Amino acid sequence: YRTARPAMDGLRIAENGVLLLCSSLLHAPTTAY
């Protein structure tokens, strides 16, 4: 869990970065993945 929690927090932050800064075409595949 001490490994999983930061990995998943980082993934959520990175996902939000893609949603904020990248093309809207990339939003749905990023969220699904």
PDB file of all heavy atoms in Angstrom:
ATOM      1  N   TYR A   1       0.825  -1.206   0.000  1.00  0.00           N
ATOM      2  CA  TYR A   1       0.000   0.000   0.000  1.00  0.00           C
ATOM      3  C   TYR A   1       0.860   1.258   0.000  1.00  0.00           C
ATOM      4  O   TYR A   1       0.530   2.232  -0.677  1.00  0.00           O
ATOM      5  CB  TYR A   1      -0.934  -0.004   1.223  1.00  0.00           C
ATOM      6  CG  TYR A   1      -1.810   1.222   1.282  1.00  0.00           C
ATOM      7  CD1 TYR A   1      -3.007   1.266   0.588  1.00  0.00           C
ATOM      8  CD2 TYR A   1      -1.435   2.337   2.028  1.00  0.00           C
ATOM      9  CE1 TYR A   1      -3.817   2.393   0.630  1.00  0.00           C
ATOM     10  CE2 TYR A   1      -2.228   3.464   2.070  1.00  0.00           C
ATOM     11  CZ  TYR A   1      -3.413   3.486   1.373  1.00  0.00           C
ATOM     12  OH  TYR A   1      -4.205   4.603   1.410  1.00  0.00           O
ATOM     13  N   ARG A   2       1.962   1.241   0.736  1.00  0.00           N
ATOM     14  CA  ARG A   2       2.845   2.411   0.776  1.00  0.00           C
ATOM     15  C   ARG A   2       3.491   2.669  -0.585  1.00  0.00           C
ATOM     16  O   ARG A   2       3.934   3.788  -0.854  1.00  0.00           O
ATOM     17  CB  ARG A   2       3.903   2.256   1.868  1.00  0.00           C
ATOM     18  CG  ARG A   2       3.333   2.411   3.265  1.00  0.00           C
ATOM     19  CD  ARG A   2       4.414   2.536   4.330  1.00  0.00           C
ATOM     20  NE  ARG A   2       5.406   1.472   4.300  1.00  0.00           N
ATOM     21  CZ  ARG A   2       5.298   0.315   4.948  1.00  0.00           C
ATOM     22  NH1 ARG A   2       4.236   0.063   5.682  1.00  0.00           N
ATOM     23  NH2 ARG A   2       6.257  -0.580   4.872  1.00  0.00           N
ATOM     24  N   THR A   3       3.544   1.683  -1.427  1.00  0.00           N
ATOM     25  CA  THR A   3       4.018   1.863  -2.802  1.00  0.00           C
ATOM     26  C   THR A   3       2.861   2.245  -3.722  1.00  0.00           C
ATOM     27  O   THR A   3       3.007   3.112  -4.593  1.00  0.00           O
ATOM     28  CB  THR A   3       4.671   0.561  -3.316  1.00  0.00           C
ATOM     29  OG1 THR A   3       5.734   0.215  -2.446  1.00  0.00           O
ATOM     30  CG2 THR A   3       5.197   0.713  -4.718  1.00  0.00           C
ATOM     31  N   ALA A   4       1.723   1.604  -3.524  1.00  0.00           N
ATOM     32  CA  ALA A   4       0.575   1.811  -4.407  1.00  0.00           C
ATOM     33  C   ALA A   4      -0.025   3.214  -4.277  1.00  0.00           C
ATOM     34  O   ALA A   4      -0.354   3.850  -5.288  1.00  0.00           O
ATOM     35  CB  ALA A   4      -0.505   0.765  -4.126  1.00  0.00           C
ATOM     36  N   ARG A   5      -0.177   3.677  -3.063  1.00  0.00           N
ATOM     37  CA  ARG A   5      -0.840   4.970  -2.845  1.00  0.00           C
ATOM     38  C   ARG A   5      -0.139   6.121  -3.581  1.00  0.00           C
ATOM     39  O   ARG A   5      -0.779   6.847  -4.329  1.00  0.00           O
ATOM     40  CB  ARG A   5      -0.927   5.245  -1.337  1.00  0.00           C
ATOM     41  CG  ARG A   5      -1.570   6.544  -0.949  1.00  0.00           C
ATOM     42  CD  ARG A   5      -3.092   6.495  -0.939  1.00  0.00           C
ATOM     43  NE  ARG A   5      -3.648   6.789  -2.255  1.00  0.00           N
ATOM     44  CZ  ARG A   5      -4.797   6.322  -2.718  1.00  0.00           C
ATOM     45  NH1 ARG A   5      -5.528   5.528  -1.996  1.00  0.00           N
ATOM     46  NH2 ARG A   5      -5.237   6.647  -3.909  1.00  0.00           N
ATOM     47  N   PRO A   6       1.179   6.304  -3.423  1.00  0.00           N
ATOM     48  CA  PRO A   6       1.826   7.400  -4.157  1.00  0.00           C
ATOM     49  C   PRO A   6       1.796   7.204  -5.676  1.00  0.00           C
ATOM     50  O   PRO A   6       1.691   8.182  -6.426  1.00  0.00           O
ATOM     51  CB  PRO A   6       3.264   7.418  -3.647  1.00  0.00           C
ATOM     52  CG  PRO A   6       3.327   6.488  -2.510  1.00  0.00           C
ATOM     53  CD  PRO A   6       2.089   5.661  -2.495  1.00  0.00           C
ATOM     54  N   ALA A   7       1.868   5.960  -6.117  1.00  0.00           N
ATOM     55  CA  ALA A   7       1.805   5.701  -7.562  1.00  0.00           C
ATOM     56  C   ALA A   7       0.454   6.130  -8.118  1.00  0.00           C
ATOM     57  O   ALA A   7       0.376   6.781  -9.167  1.00  0.00           O
ATOM     58  CB  ALA A   7       2.055   4.224  -7.844  1.00  0.00           C
ATOM     59  N   MET A   8      -0.614   5.807  -7.412  1.00  0.00           N
ATOM     60  CA  MET A   8      -1.943   6.155  -7.886  1.00  0.00           C
ATOM     61  C   MET A   8      -2.219   7.653  -7.728  1.00  0.00           C
ATOM     62  O   MET A   8      -2.890   8.248  -8.578  1.00  0.00           O
ATOM     63  CB  MET A   8      -3.008   5.318  -7.160  1.00  0.00           C
ATOM     64  CG  MET A   8      -2.863   3.829  -7.452  1.00  0.00           C
ATOM     65  SD  MET A   8      -2.715   3.432  -9.220  1.00  0.00           S
ATOM     66  CE  MET A   8      -4.347   3.885  -9.793  1.00  0.00           C
ATOM     67  N   ASP A   9      -1.704   8.250  -6.675  1.00  0.00           N
ATOM     68  CA  ASP A   9      -1.840   9.706  -6.543  1.00  0.00           C
ATOM     69  C   ASP A   9      -1.124  10.412  -7.696  1.00  0.00           C
ATOM     70  O   ASP A   9      -1.650  11.354  -8.285  1.00  0.00           O
ATOM     71  CB  ASP A   9      -1.267  10.183  -5.205  1.00  0.00           C
ATOM     72  CG  ASP A   9      -2.138   9.785  -4.023  1.00  0.00           C
ATOM     73  OD1 ASP A   9      -3.296   9.366  -4.232  1.00  0.00           O
ATOM     74  OD2 ASP A   9      -1.641   9.889  -2.879  1.00  0.00           O
ATOM     75  N   GLY A  10       0.072   9.936  -8.017  1.00  0.00           N
ATOM     76  CA  GLY A  10       0.819  10.505  -9.142  1.00  0.00           C
ATOM     77  C   GLY A  10       0.085  10.324 -10.458  1.00  0.00           C
ATOM     78  O   GLY A  10       0.071  11.221 -11.308  1.00  0.00           O
ATOM     79  N   LEU A  11      -0.541   9.159 -10.627  1.00  0.00           N
ATOM     80  CA  LEU A  11      -1.306   8.902 -11.847  1.00  0.00           C
ATOM     81  C   LEU A  11      -2.469   9.886 -11.962  1.00  0.00           C
ATOM     82  O   LEU A  11      -2.721  10.440 -13.035  1.00  0.00           O
ATOM     83  CB  LEU A  11      -1.822   7.461 -11.869  1.00  0.00           C
ATOM     84  CG  LEU A  11      -2.620   7.072 -13.107  1.00  0.00           C
ATOM     85  CD1 LEU A  11      -1.737   7.086 -14.352  1.00  0.00           C
ATOM     86  CD2 LEU A  11      -3.270   5.718 -12.919  1.00  0.00           C
ATOM     87  N   ARG A  12      -3.170  10.119 -10.863  1.00  0.00           N
ATOM     88  CA  ARG A  12      -4.304  11.062 -10.888  1.00  0.00           C
ATOM     89  C   ARG A  12      -3.829  12.476 -11.219  1.00  0.00           C
ATOM     90  O   ARG A  12      -4.474  13.197 -11.986  1.00  0.00           O
ATOM     91  CB  ARG A  12      -5.026  11.062  -9.550  1.00  0.00           C
ATOM     92  CG  ARG A  12      -6.070   9.997  -9.477  1.00  0.00           C
ATOM     93  CD  ARG A  12      -6.928  10.140  -8.231  1.00  0.00           C
ATOM     94  NE  ARG A  12      -7.260   8.813  -7.773  1.00  0.00           N
ATOM     95  CZ  ARG A  12      -6.562   8.101  -6.900  1.00  0.00           C
ATOM     96  NH1 ARG A  12      -5.502   8.603  -6.336  1.00  0.00           N
ATOM     97  NH2 ARG A  12      -6.930   6.891  -6.576  1.00  0.00           N
ATOM     98  N   ILE A  13      -2.725  12.877 -10.635  1.00  0.00           N
ATOM     99  CA  ILE A  13      -2.183  14.215 -10.913  1.00  0.00           C
ATOM    100  C   ILE A  13      -1.770  14.320 -12.380  1.00  0.00           C
ATOM    101  O   ILE A  13      -2.070  15.306 -13.059  1.00  0.00           O
ATOM    102  CB  ILE A  13      -1.003  14.523  -9.973  1.00  0.00           C
ATOM    103  CG1 ILE A  13      -1.510  14.677  -8.537  1.00  0.00           C
ATOM    104  CG2 ILE A  13      -0.250  15.770 -10.425  1.00  0.00           C
ATOM    105  CD1 ILE A  13      -0.420  14.664  -7.489  1.00  0.00           C
ATOM    106  N   ALA A  14      -1.100  13.281 -12.880  1.00  0.00           N
ATOM    107  CA  ALA A  14      -0.670  13.282 -14.283  1.00  0.00           C
ATOM    108  C   ALA A  14      -1.877  13.270 -15.220  1.00  0.00           C
ATOM    109  O   ALA A  14      -1.873  13.939 -16.258  1.00  0.00           O
ATOM    110  CB  ALA A  14       0.236  12.086 -14.550  1.00  0.00           C
ATOM    111  N   GLU A  15      -2.914  12.522 -14.864  1.00  0.00           N
ATOM    112  CA  GLU A  15      -4.140  12.501 -15.667  1.00  0.00           C
ATOM    113  C   GLU A  15      -4.740  13.901 -15.744  1.00  0.00           C
ATOM    114  O   GLU A  15      -5.117  14.374 -16.821  1.00  0.00           O
ATOM    115  CB  GLU A  15      -5.156  11.541 -15.062  1.00  0.00           C
ATOM    116  CG  GLU A  15      -6.499  11.543 -15.764  1.00  0.00           C
ATOM    117  CD  GLU A  15      -7.563  10.758 -15.027  1.00  0.00           C
ATOM    118  OE1 GLU A  15      -7.314  10.219 -13.934  1.00  0.00           O
ATOM    119  OE2 GLU A  15      -8.688  10.699 -15.563  1.00  0.00           O
ATOM    120  N   ASN A  16      -4.821  14.574 -14.615  1.00  0.00           N
ATOM    121  CA  ASN A  16      -5.368  15.937 -14.603  1.00  0.00           C
ATOM    122  C   ASN A  16      -4.501  16.891 -15.417  1.00  0.00           C
ATOM    123  O   ASN A  16      -5.021  17.817 -16.047  1.00  0.00           O
ATOM    124  CB  ASN A  16      -5.541  16.440 -13.174  1.00  0.00           C
ATOM    125  CG  ASN A  16      -6.706  15.770 -12.481  1.00  0.00           C
ATOM    126  OD1 ASN A  16      -7.687  15.394 -13.115  1.00  0.00           O
ATOM    127  ND2 ASN A  16      -6.602  15.592 -11.180  1.00  0.00           N
ATOM    128  N   GLY A  17      -3.189  16.675 -15.413  1.00  0.00           N
ATOM    129  CA  GLY A  17      -2.304  17.486 -16.246  1.00  0.00           C
ATOM    130  C   GLY A  17      -2.615  17.312 -17.719  1.00  0.00           C
ATOM    131  O   GLY A  17      -2.662  18.294 -18.472  1.00  0.00           O
ATOM    132  N   VAL A  18      -2.855  16.078 -18.141  1.00  0.00           N
ATOM    133  CA  VAL A  18      -3.213  15.824 -19.540  1.00  0.00           C
ATOM    134  C   VAL A  18      -4.544  16.504 -19.858  1.00  0.00           C
ATOM    135  O   VAL A  18      -4.687  17.149 -20.903  1.00  0.00           O
ATOM    136  CB  VAL A  18      -3.286  14.305 -19.827  1.00  0.00           C
ATOM    137  CG1 VAL A  18      -3.898  14.031 -21.196  1.00  0.00           C
ATOM    138  CG2 VAL A  18      -1.901  13.679 -19.734  1.00  0.00           C
ATOM    139  N   LEU A  19      -5.513  16.376 -18.955  1.00  0.00           N
ATOM    140  CA  LEU A  19      -6.825  16.988 -19.189  1.00  0.00           C
ATOM    141  C   LEU A  19      -6.728  18.504 -19.265  1.00  0.00           C
ATOM    142  O   LEU A  19      -7.466  19.146 -20.013  1.00  0.00           O
ATOM    143  CB  LEU A  19      -7.808  16.570 -18.101  1.00  0.00           C
ATOM    144  CG  LEU A  19      -8.101  15.072 -17.994  1.00  0.00           C
ATOM    145  CD1 LEU A  19      -9.079  14.801 -16.861  1.00  0.00           C
ATOM    146  CD2 LEU A  19      -8.601  14.496 -19.297  1.00  0.00           C
ATOM    147  N   LEU A  20      -5.821  19.079 -18.512  1.00  0.00           N
ATOM    148  CA  LEU A  20      -5.675  20.531 -18.463  1.00  0.00           C
ATOM    149  C   LEU A  20      -4.885  21.085 -19.651  1.00  0.00           C
ATOM    150  O   LEU A  20      -5.252  22.104 -20.223  1.00  0.00           O
ATOM    151  CB  LEU A  20      -4.981  20.933 -17.158  1.00  0.00           C
ATOM    152  CG  LEU A  20      -4.711  22.416 -16.944  1.00  0.00           C
ATOM    153  CD1 LEU A  20      -6.025  23.178 -16.832  1.00  0.00           C
ATOM    154  CD2 LEU A  20      -3.868  22.616 -15.698  1.00  0.00           C
ATOM    155  N   LEU A  21      -3.810  20.400 -20.038  1.00  0.00           N
ATOM    156  CA  LEU A  21      -2.856  20.981 -20.976  1.00  0.00           C
ATOM    157  C   LEU A  21      -2.881  20.410 -22.390  1.00  0.00           C
ATOM    158  O   LEU A  21      -2.304  21.005 -23.295  1.00  0.00           O
ATOM    159  CB  LEU A  21      -1.438  20.832 -20.416  1.00  0.00           C
ATOM    160  CG  LEU A  21      -1.175  21.557 -19.102  1.00  0.00           C
ATOM    161  CD1 LEU A  21       0.186  21.177 -18.557  1.00  0.00           C
ATOM    162  CD2 LEU A  21      -1.290  23.049 -19.284  1.00  0.00           C
ATOM    163  N   CYS A  22      -3.509  19.269 -22.565  1.00  0.00           N
ATOM    164  CA  CYS A  22      -3.427  18.606 -23.869  1.00  0.00           C
ATOM    165  C   CYS A  22      -4.745  18.692 -24.635  1.00  0.00           C
ATOM    166  O   CYS A  22      -5.769  19.100 -24.099  1.00  0.00           O
ATOM    167  CB  CYS A  22      -3.012  17.154 -23.678  1.00  0.00           C
ATOM    168  SG  CYS A  22      -1.345  16.998 -22.999  1.00  0.00           S
ATOM    169  N   SER A  23      -4.684  18.266 -25.866  1.00  0.00           N
ATOM    170  CA  SER A  23      -5.827  18.280 -26.763  1.00  0.00           C
ATOM    171  C   SER A  23      -7.024  17.557 -26.153  1.00  0.00           C
ATOM    172  O   SER A  23      -6.872  16.514 -25.507  1.00  0.00           O
ATOM    173  CB  SER A  23      -5.441  17.602 -28.081  1.00  0.00           C
ATOM    174  OG  SER A  23      -6.580  17.317 -28.847  1.00  0.00           O
ATOM    175  N   SER A  24      -8.219  18.078 -26.401  1.00  0.00           N
ATOM    176  CA  SER A  24      -9.431  17.438 -25.884  1.00  0.00           C
ATOM    177  C   SER A  24      -9.623  16.043 -26.481  1.00  0.00           C
ATOM    178  O   SER A  24     -10.307  15.214 -25.895  1.00  0.00           O
ATOM    179  CB  SER A  24     -10.653  18.309 -26.156  1.00  0.00           C
ATOM    180  OG  SER A  24     -10.817  18.509 -27.539  1.00  0.00           O
ATOM    181  N   LEU A  25      -9.022  15.772 -27.619  1.00  0.00           N
ATOM    182  CA  LEU A  25      -9.085  14.423 -28.203  1.00  0.00           C
ATOM    183  C   LEU A  25      -8.433  13.390 -27.294  1.00  0.00           C
ATOM    184  O   LEU A  25      -8.776  12.208 -27.347  1.00  0.00           O
ATOM    185  CB  LEU A  25      -8.383  14.406 -29.566  1.00  0.00           C
ATOM    186  CG  LEU A  25      -8.961  15.306 -30.651  1.00  0.00           C
ATOM    187  CD1 LEU A  25      -8.072  15.285 -31.888  1.00  0.00           C
ATOM    188  CD2 LEU A  25     -10.370  14.873 -30.992  1.00  0.00           C
ATOM    189  N   LEU A  26      -7.520  13.822 -26.457  1.00  0.00           N
ATOM    190  CA  LEU A  26      -6.781  12.917 -25.579  1.00  0.00           C
ATOM    191  C   LEU A  26      -7.488  12.683 -24.251  1.00  0.00           C
ATOM    192  O   LEU A  26      -7.138  11.761 -23.519  1.00  0.00           O
ATOM    193  CB  LEU A  26      -5.380  13.501 -25.346  1.00  0.00           C
ATOM    194  CG  LEU A  26      -4.277  12.591 -24.865  1.00  0.00           C
ATOM    195  CD1 LEU A  26      -4.179  11.325 -25.689  1.00  0.00           C
ATOM    196  CD2 LEU A  26      -2.952  13.327 -24.895  1.00  0.00           C
ATOM    197  N   HIS A  27      -8.515  13.457 -23.942  1.00  0.00           N
ATOM    198  CA  HIS A  27      -9.166  13.370 -22.636  1.00  0.00           C
ATOM    199  C   HIS A  27      -9.813  12.008 -22.384  1.00  0.00           C
ATOM    200  O   HIS A  27      -9.569  11.388 -21.342  1.00  0.00           O
ATOM    201  CB  HIS A  27     -10.189  14.483 -22.472  1.00  0.00           C
ATOM    202  CG  HIS A  27      -9.557  15.845 -22.444  1.00  0.00           C
ATOM    203  ND1 HIS A  27     -10.298  16.979 -22.279  1.00  0.00           N
ATOM    204  CD2 HIS A  27      -8.278  16.261 -22.571  1.00  0.00           C
ATOM    205  CE1 HIS A  27      -9.506  18.038 -22.294  1.00  0.00           C
ATOM    206  NE2 HIS A  27      -8.272  17.621 -22.488  1.00  0.00           N
ATOM    207  N   ALA A  28     -10.656  11.545 -23.281  1.00  0.00           N
ATOM    208  CA  ALA A  28     -11.369  10.281 -23.063  1.00  0.00           C
ATOM    209  C   ALA A  28     -10.415   9.088 -22.964  1.00  0.00           C
ATOM    210  O   ALA A  28     -10.546   8.281 -22.031  1.00  0.00           O
ATOM    211  CB  ALA A  28     -12.411  10.060 -24.159  1.00  0.00           C
ATOM    212  N   PRO A  29      -9.440   8.931 -23.860  1.00  0.00           N
ATOM    213  CA  PRO A  29      -8.531   7.784 -23.720  1.00  0.00           C
ATOM    214  C   PRO A  29      -7.685   7.849 -22.449  1.00  0.00           C
ATOM    215  O   PRO A  29      -7.392   6.817 -21.846  1.00  0.00           O
ATOM    216  CB  PRO A  29      -7.640   7.849 -24.965  1.00  0.00           C
ATOM    217  CG  PRO A  29      -8.287   8.774 -25.899  1.00  0.00           C
ATOM    218  CD  PRO A  29      -9.212   9.642 -25.121  1.00  0.00           C
ATOM    219  N   THR A  30      -7.314   9.053 -22.031  1.00  0.00           N
ATOM    220  CA  THR A  30      -6.531   9.209 -20.805  1.00  0.00           C
ATOM    221  C   THR A  30      -7.350   8.774 -19.603  1.00  0.00           C
ATOM    222  O   THR A  30      -6.882   8.011 -18.757  1.00  0.00           O
ATOM    223  CB  THR A  30      -6.070  10.671 -20.642  1.00  0.00           C
ATOM    224  OG1 THR A  30      -5.282  11.039 -21.758  1.00  0.00           O
ATOM    225  CG2 THR A  30      -5.270  10.861 -19.367  1.00  0.00           C
ATOM    226  N   THR A  31      -8.573   9.246 -19.524  1.00  0.00           N
ATOM    227  CA  THR A  31      -9.450   8.902 -18.406  1.00  0.00           C
ATOM    228  C   THR A  31      -9.761   7.410 -18.394  1.00  0.00           C
ATOM    229  O   THR A  31      -9.738   6.775 -17.336  1.00  0.00           O
ATOM    230  CB  THR A  31     -10.740   9.735 -18.470  1.00  0.00           C
ATOM    231  OG1 THR A  31     -10.383  11.122 -18.374  1.00  0.00           O
ATOM    232  CG2 THR A  31     -11.692   9.396 -17.346  1.00  0.00           C
ATOM    233  N   ALA A  32     -10.033   6.840 -19.553  1.00  0.00           N
ATOM    234  CA  ALA A  32     -10.335   5.403 -19.630  1.00  0.00           C
ATOM    235  C   ALA A  32      -9.140   4.568 -19.175  1.00  0.00           C
ATOM    236  O   ALA A  32      -9.304   3.598 -18.419  1.00  0.00           O
ATOM    237  CB  ALA A  32     -10.740   5.028 -21.055  1.00  0.00           C
ATOM    238  N   TYR A  33      -7.957   4.926 -19.601  1.00  0.00           N
ATOM    239  CA  TYR A  33      -6.752   4.193 -19.213  1.00  0.00           C
ATOM    240  C   TYR A  33      -6.488   4.345 -17.713  1.00  0.00           C
ATOM    241  O   TYR A  33      -6.197   3.366 -17.025  1.00  0.00           O
ATOM    242  CB  TYR A  33      -5.572   4.685 -20.040  1.00  0.00           C
ATOM    243  CG  TYR A  33      -4.292   3.911 -19.881  1.00  0.00           C
ATOM    244  CD1 TYR A  33      -4.278   2.561 -19.550  1.00  0.00           C
ATOM    245  CD2 TYR A  33      -3.067   4.521 -20.099  1.00  0.00           C
ATOM    246  CE1 TYR A  33      -3.090   1.855 -19.420  1.00  0.00           C
ATOM    247  CE2 TYR A  33      -1.874   3.832 -19.975  1.00  0.00           C
ATOM    248  CZ  TYR A  33      -1.891   2.498 -19.633  1.00  0.00           C
ATOM    249  OH  TYR A  33      -0.703   1.810 -19.499  1.00  0.00           O
TER     250      TYR A  33
END
